[in-house]
Amino acid sequence: MAPAAGFQTPMAMVPWGVWFQNRIHSFEDGEGDGACTVHFPKSCLHCDEPACVTVCPTGASYKRAEDGIVLVNESLCIGCKLCS
């Protein structure tokens, strides 16, 4: 069976569950021969007012009241990635 469109991993041929990755931000640094592309990950910041929770159409993204950690309920998530 071929991997699902847009899914690339050496670990599994078919994705299962909810699979979120760190967002990778890239920018160009320098000019000419000294130029390079810099890539860095940006993980969840567990914001005070998380936009990912606000945009979630199913309510799967939520902020835990007792400690403020932002979580995703996998059974409600439809994988639309609006949160990312």
N, C-alpha and C. Protein backbone atom coordinates (compact mmCIF):
# COMPACT_ATOMS: atom_id res chain seq x y z
N MET A 1 0.85 -1.18 0.00
CA MET A 1 0.00 0.00 0.00
C MET A 1 0.89 1.23 0.00
N ALA A 2 0.57 2.23 -0.81
CA ALA A 2 1.36 3.46 -0.92
C ALA A 2 1.01 4.40 0.22
N PRO A 3 1.97 5.26 0.62
CA PRO A 3 1.69 6.23 1.67
C PRO A 3 0.60 7.21 1.23
N ALA A 4 -0.13 7.74 2.19
CA ALA A 4 -1.15 8.75 1.90
C ALA A 4 -0.48 10.00 1.34
N ALA A 5 -1.21 10.74 0.54
CA ALA A 5 -0.68 11.96 -0.09
C ALA A 5 -0.14 12.91 0.97
N GLY A 6 1.06 13.42 0.76
CA GLY A 6 1.66 14.37 1.68
C GLY A 6 2.28 13.76 2.92
N PHE A 7 2.21 12.45 3.06
CA PHE A 7 2.74 11.80 4.25
C PHE A 7 4.03 11.09 3.89
N GLN A 8 5.11 11.46 4.54
CA GLN A 8 6.39 10.83 4.25
C GLN A 8 7.06 10.43 5.56
N THR A 9 7.31 9.17 5.72
CA THR A 9 8.02 8.71 6.90
C THR A 9 8.63 7.35 6.60
N PRO A 10 9.83 7.10 7.06
CA PRO A 10 10.42 5.79 6.86
C PRO A 10 9.88 4.77 7.87
N MET A 11 9.11 5.22 8.85
CA MET A 11 8.69 4.34 9.93
C MET A 11 7.40 3.58 9.66
N ALA A 12 6.54 4.12 8.79
CA ALA A 12 5.25 3.47 8.55
C ALA A 12 4.77 3.80 7.14
N MET A 13 4.05 2.88 6.56
CA MET A 13 3.53 3.11 5.22
C MET A 13 2.17 3.80 5.24
N VAL A 14 1.42 3.63 6.30
CA VAL A 14 0.10 4.25 6.38
C VAL A 14 0.01 5.01 7.70
N PRO A 15 -0.34 6.30 7.64
CA PRO A 15 -0.45 7.07 8.88
C PRO A 15 -1.62 6.58 9.73
N TRP A 16 -1.51 6.68 11.02
CA TRP A 16 -2.59 6.32 11.91
C TRP A 16 -2.68 7.37 13.00
N GLY A 17 -3.86 7.61 13.49
CA GLY A 17 -4.07 8.60 14.54
C GLY A 17 -3.85 10.01 14.04
N VAL A 18 -3.62 10.91 14.95
CA VAL A 18 -3.36 12.30 14.62
C VAL A 18 -1.87 12.51 14.66
N TRP A 19 -1.34 13.05 13.59
CA TRP A 19 0.10 13.19 13.47
C TRP A 19 0.45 14.65 13.24
N PHE A 20 0.95 15.33 14.26
CA PHE A 20 1.34 16.72 14.14
C PHE A 20 2.85 16.80 14.26
N GLN A 21 3.43 17.70 13.52
CA GLN A 21 4.87 17.91 13.56
C GLN A 21 5.15 19.32 14.07
N ASN A 22 6.39 19.54 14.46
CA ASN A 22 6.81 20.90 14.71
C ASN A 22 6.77 21.65 13.40
N ARG A 23 6.40 22.90 13.46
CA ARG A 23 6.47 23.74 12.27
C ARG A 23 7.93 24.11 12.05
N ILE A 24 8.36 24.10 10.83
CA ILE A 24 9.73 24.46 10.51
C ILE A 24 9.73 25.82 9.82
N HIS A 25 10.40 26.77 10.42
CA HIS A 25 10.53 28.11 9.84
C HIS A 25 11.89 28.20 9.16
N SER A 26 11.92 28.82 7.99
CA SER A 26 13.16 28.94 7.22
C SER A 26 13.36 30.39 6.81
N PHE A 27 14.61 30.81 6.77
CA PHE A 27 14.92 32.13 6.25
C PHE A 27 16.31 32.12 5.65
N GLU A 28 16.53 33.06 4.75
CA GLU A 28 17.84 33.20 4.10
C GLU A 28 18.69 34.16 4.91
N ASP A 29 19.94 33.80 5.10
CA ASP A 29 20.87 34.62 5.86
C ASP A 29 22.10 34.90 5.00
N GLY A 30 22.46 36.16 4.87
CA GLY A 30 23.65 36.53 4.11
C GLY A 30 23.35 36.69 2.63
N GLU A 31 24.42 37.03 1.89
CA GLU A 31 24.31 37.23 0.45
C GLU A 31 25.50 36.61 -0.25
N GLY A 32 25.33 36.32 -1.53
CA GLY A 32 26.43 35.78 -2.33
C GLY A 32 26.89 34.42 -1.85
N ASP A 33 28.22 34.20 -1.92
CA ASP A 33 28.79 32.90 -1.52
C ASP A 33 28.60 32.59 -0.04
N GLY A 34 28.41 33.61 0.77
CA GLY A 34 28.24 33.40 2.21
C GLY A 34 26.80 33.17 2.62
N ALA A 35 25.89 33.16 1.65
CA ALA A 35 24.47 33.00 1.97
C ALA A 35 24.16 31.56 2.36
N CYS A 36 23.19 31.40 3.23
CA CYS A 36 22.74 30.07 3.61
C CYS A 36 21.28 30.14 4.03
N THR A 37 20.63 29.00 3.99
CA THR A 37 19.25 28.90 4.46
C THR A 37 19.28 28.33 5.87
N VAL A 38 18.59 29.01 6.77
CA VAL A 38 18.54 28.58 8.16
C VAL A 38 17.15 28.02 8.43
N HIS A 39 17.09 26.82 9.00
CA HIS A 39 15.82 26.17 9.34
C HIS A 39 15.79 25.99 10.86
N PHE A 40 14.64 26.29 11.47
CA PHE A 40 14.53 26.05 12.90
C PHE A 40 13.10 25.64 13.25
N PRO A 41 12.95 24.74 14.22
CA PRO A 41 11.61 24.28 14.60
C PRO A 41 10.93 25.28 15.53
N LYS A 42 9.62 25.32 15.43
CA LYS A 42 8.84 26.15 16.35
C LYS A 42 7.75 25.26 16.93
N SER A 43 7.92 24.90 18.16
CA SER A 43 6.98 24.00 18.83
C SER A 43 5.84 24.80 19.46
N CYS A 44 4.89 24.10 20.03
CA CYS A 44 3.77 24.73 20.73
C CYS A 44 4.30 25.60 21.86
N LEU A 45 3.74 26.81 21.95
CA LEU A 45 4.18 27.74 22.99
C LEU A 45 3.25 27.75 24.20
N HIS A 46 2.17 26.96 24.15
CA HIS A 46 1.20 26.91 25.24
C HIS A 46 0.81 28.33 25.65
N CYS A 47 0.34 29.10 24.67
CA CYS A 47 0.01 30.52 24.83
C CYS A 47 -1.07 30.75 25.88
N ASP A 48 -1.11 31.97 26.42
CA ASP A 48 -2.17 32.33 27.36
C ASP A 48 -3.53 32.29 26.66
N GLU A 49 -3.59 32.80 25.43
CA GLU A 49 -4.81 32.77 24.63
C GLU A 49 -4.48 32.11 23.30
N PRO A 50 -4.43 30.79 23.24
CA PRO A 50 -3.98 30.07 22.04
C PRO A 50 -4.95 30.18 20.87
N ALA A 51 -4.46 30.69 19.75
CA ALA A 51 -5.27 30.81 18.53
C ALA A 51 -5.66 29.43 18.01
N CYS A 52 -4.82 28.43 18.22
CA CYS A 52 -5.12 27.08 17.73
C CYS A 52 -6.39 26.53 18.35
N VAL A 53 -6.67 26.90 19.59
CA VAL A 53 -7.88 26.46 20.26
C VAL A 53 -9.09 27.17 19.66
N THR A 54 -8.93 28.45 19.37
CA THR A 54 -10.02 29.26 18.83
C THR A 54 -10.46 28.79 17.45
N VAL A 55 -9.50 28.42 16.59
CA VAL A 55 -9.84 28.05 15.21
C VAL A 55 -10.27 26.61 15.03
N CYS A 56 -10.11 25.78 16.02
CA CYS A 56 -10.44 24.36 15.89
C CYS A 56 -11.94 24.17 15.66
N PRO A 57 -12.33 23.60 14.50
CA PRO A 57 -13.75 23.46 14.19
C PRO A 57 -14.47 22.38 15.00
N THR A 58 -13.74 21.47 15.61
CA THR A 58 -14.38 20.38 16.35
C THR A 58 -14.24 20.50 17.86
N GLY A 59 -13.43 21.45 18.32
CA GLY A 59 -13.17 21.57 19.75
C GLY A 59 -12.14 20.57 20.25
N ALA A 60 -11.42 19.94 19.32
CA ALA A 60 -10.41 18.96 19.71
C ALA A 60 -9.22 19.62 20.41
N SER A 61 -8.85 20.82 19.97
CA SER A 61 -7.76 21.56 20.63
C SER A 61 -8.35 22.27 21.84
N TYR A 62 -7.70 22.11 22.97
CA TYR A 62 -8.19 22.75 24.18
C TYR A 62 -7.03 23.06 25.12
N LYS A 63 -7.28 23.98 26.03
CA LYS A 63 -6.28 24.37 27.02
C LYS A 63 -6.72 23.79 28.36
N ARG A 64 -5.84 22.98 28.95
CA ARG A 64 -6.16 22.34 30.22
C ARG A 64 -6.18 23.38 31.33
N ALA A 65 -7.28 23.44 32.06
CA ALA A 65 -7.50 24.48 33.07
C ALA A 65 -6.48 24.46 34.20
N GLU A 66 -6.12 23.27 34.66
CA GLU A 66 -5.26 23.20 35.86
C GLU A 66 -3.83 23.68 35.65
N ASP A 67 -3.30 23.58 34.42
CA ASP A 67 -1.90 24.00 34.22
C ASP A 67 -1.66 24.79 32.94
N GLY A 68 -2.70 25.02 32.12
CA GLY A 68 -2.55 25.84 30.93
C GLY A 68 -1.92 25.16 29.73
N ILE A 69 -1.71 23.85 29.81
CA ILE A 69 -1.11 23.13 28.68
C ILE A 69 -2.15 22.98 27.58
N VAL A 70 -1.74 23.24 26.33
CA VAL A 70 -2.61 23.08 25.18
C VAL A 70 -2.50 21.65 24.68
N LEU A 71 -3.64 20.99 24.54
CA LEU A 71 -3.68 19.58 24.14
C LEU A 71 -4.65 19.39 22.98
N VAL A 72 -4.58 18.22 22.34
CA VAL A 72 -5.50 17.85 21.26
C VAL A 72 -6.15 16.52 21.62
N ASN A 73 -7.47 16.51 21.62
CA ASN A 73 -8.22 15.28 21.84
C ASN A 73 -8.27 14.54 20.51
N GLU A 74 -7.51 13.46 20.39
CA GLU A 74 -7.37 12.72 19.13
C GLU A 74 -8.70 12.15 18.64
N SER A 75 -9.62 11.84 19.53
CA SER A 75 -10.89 11.27 19.10
C SER A 75 -11.81 12.31 18.46
N LEU A 76 -11.57 13.59 18.71
CA LEU A 76 -12.36 14.66 18.10
C LEU A 76 -11.68 15.29 16.89
N CYS A 77 -10.37 15.16 16.80
CA CYS A 77 -9.59 15.81 15.75
C CYS A 77 -9.89 15.20 14.37
N ILE A 78 -10.10 16.07 13.37
CA ILE A 78 -10.35 15.60 12.01
C ILE A 78 -9.12 15.79 11.11
N GLY A 79 -8.02 16.29 11.68
CA GLY A 79 -6.78 16.44 10.93
C GLY A 79 -6.75 17.59 9.94
N CYS A 80 -7.58 18.62 10.14
CA CYS A 80 -7.63 19.74 9.20
C CYS A 80 -6.39 20.64 9.28
N LYS A 81 -5.66 20.59 10.38
CA LYS A 81 -4.44 21.35 10.62
C LYS A 81 -4.64 22.87 10.67
N LEU A 82 -5.86 23.32 10.92
CA LEU A 82 -6.07 24.75 11.11
C LEU A 82 -5.28 25.25 12.33
N CYS A 83 -5.07 24.38 13.28
CA CYS A 83 -4.33 24.75 14.49
C CYS A 83 -2.86 25.05 14.19
N SER A 84 -2.35 24.47 13.14
CA SER A 84 -0.93 24.71 12.83
C SER A 84 -0.78 25.80 11.83
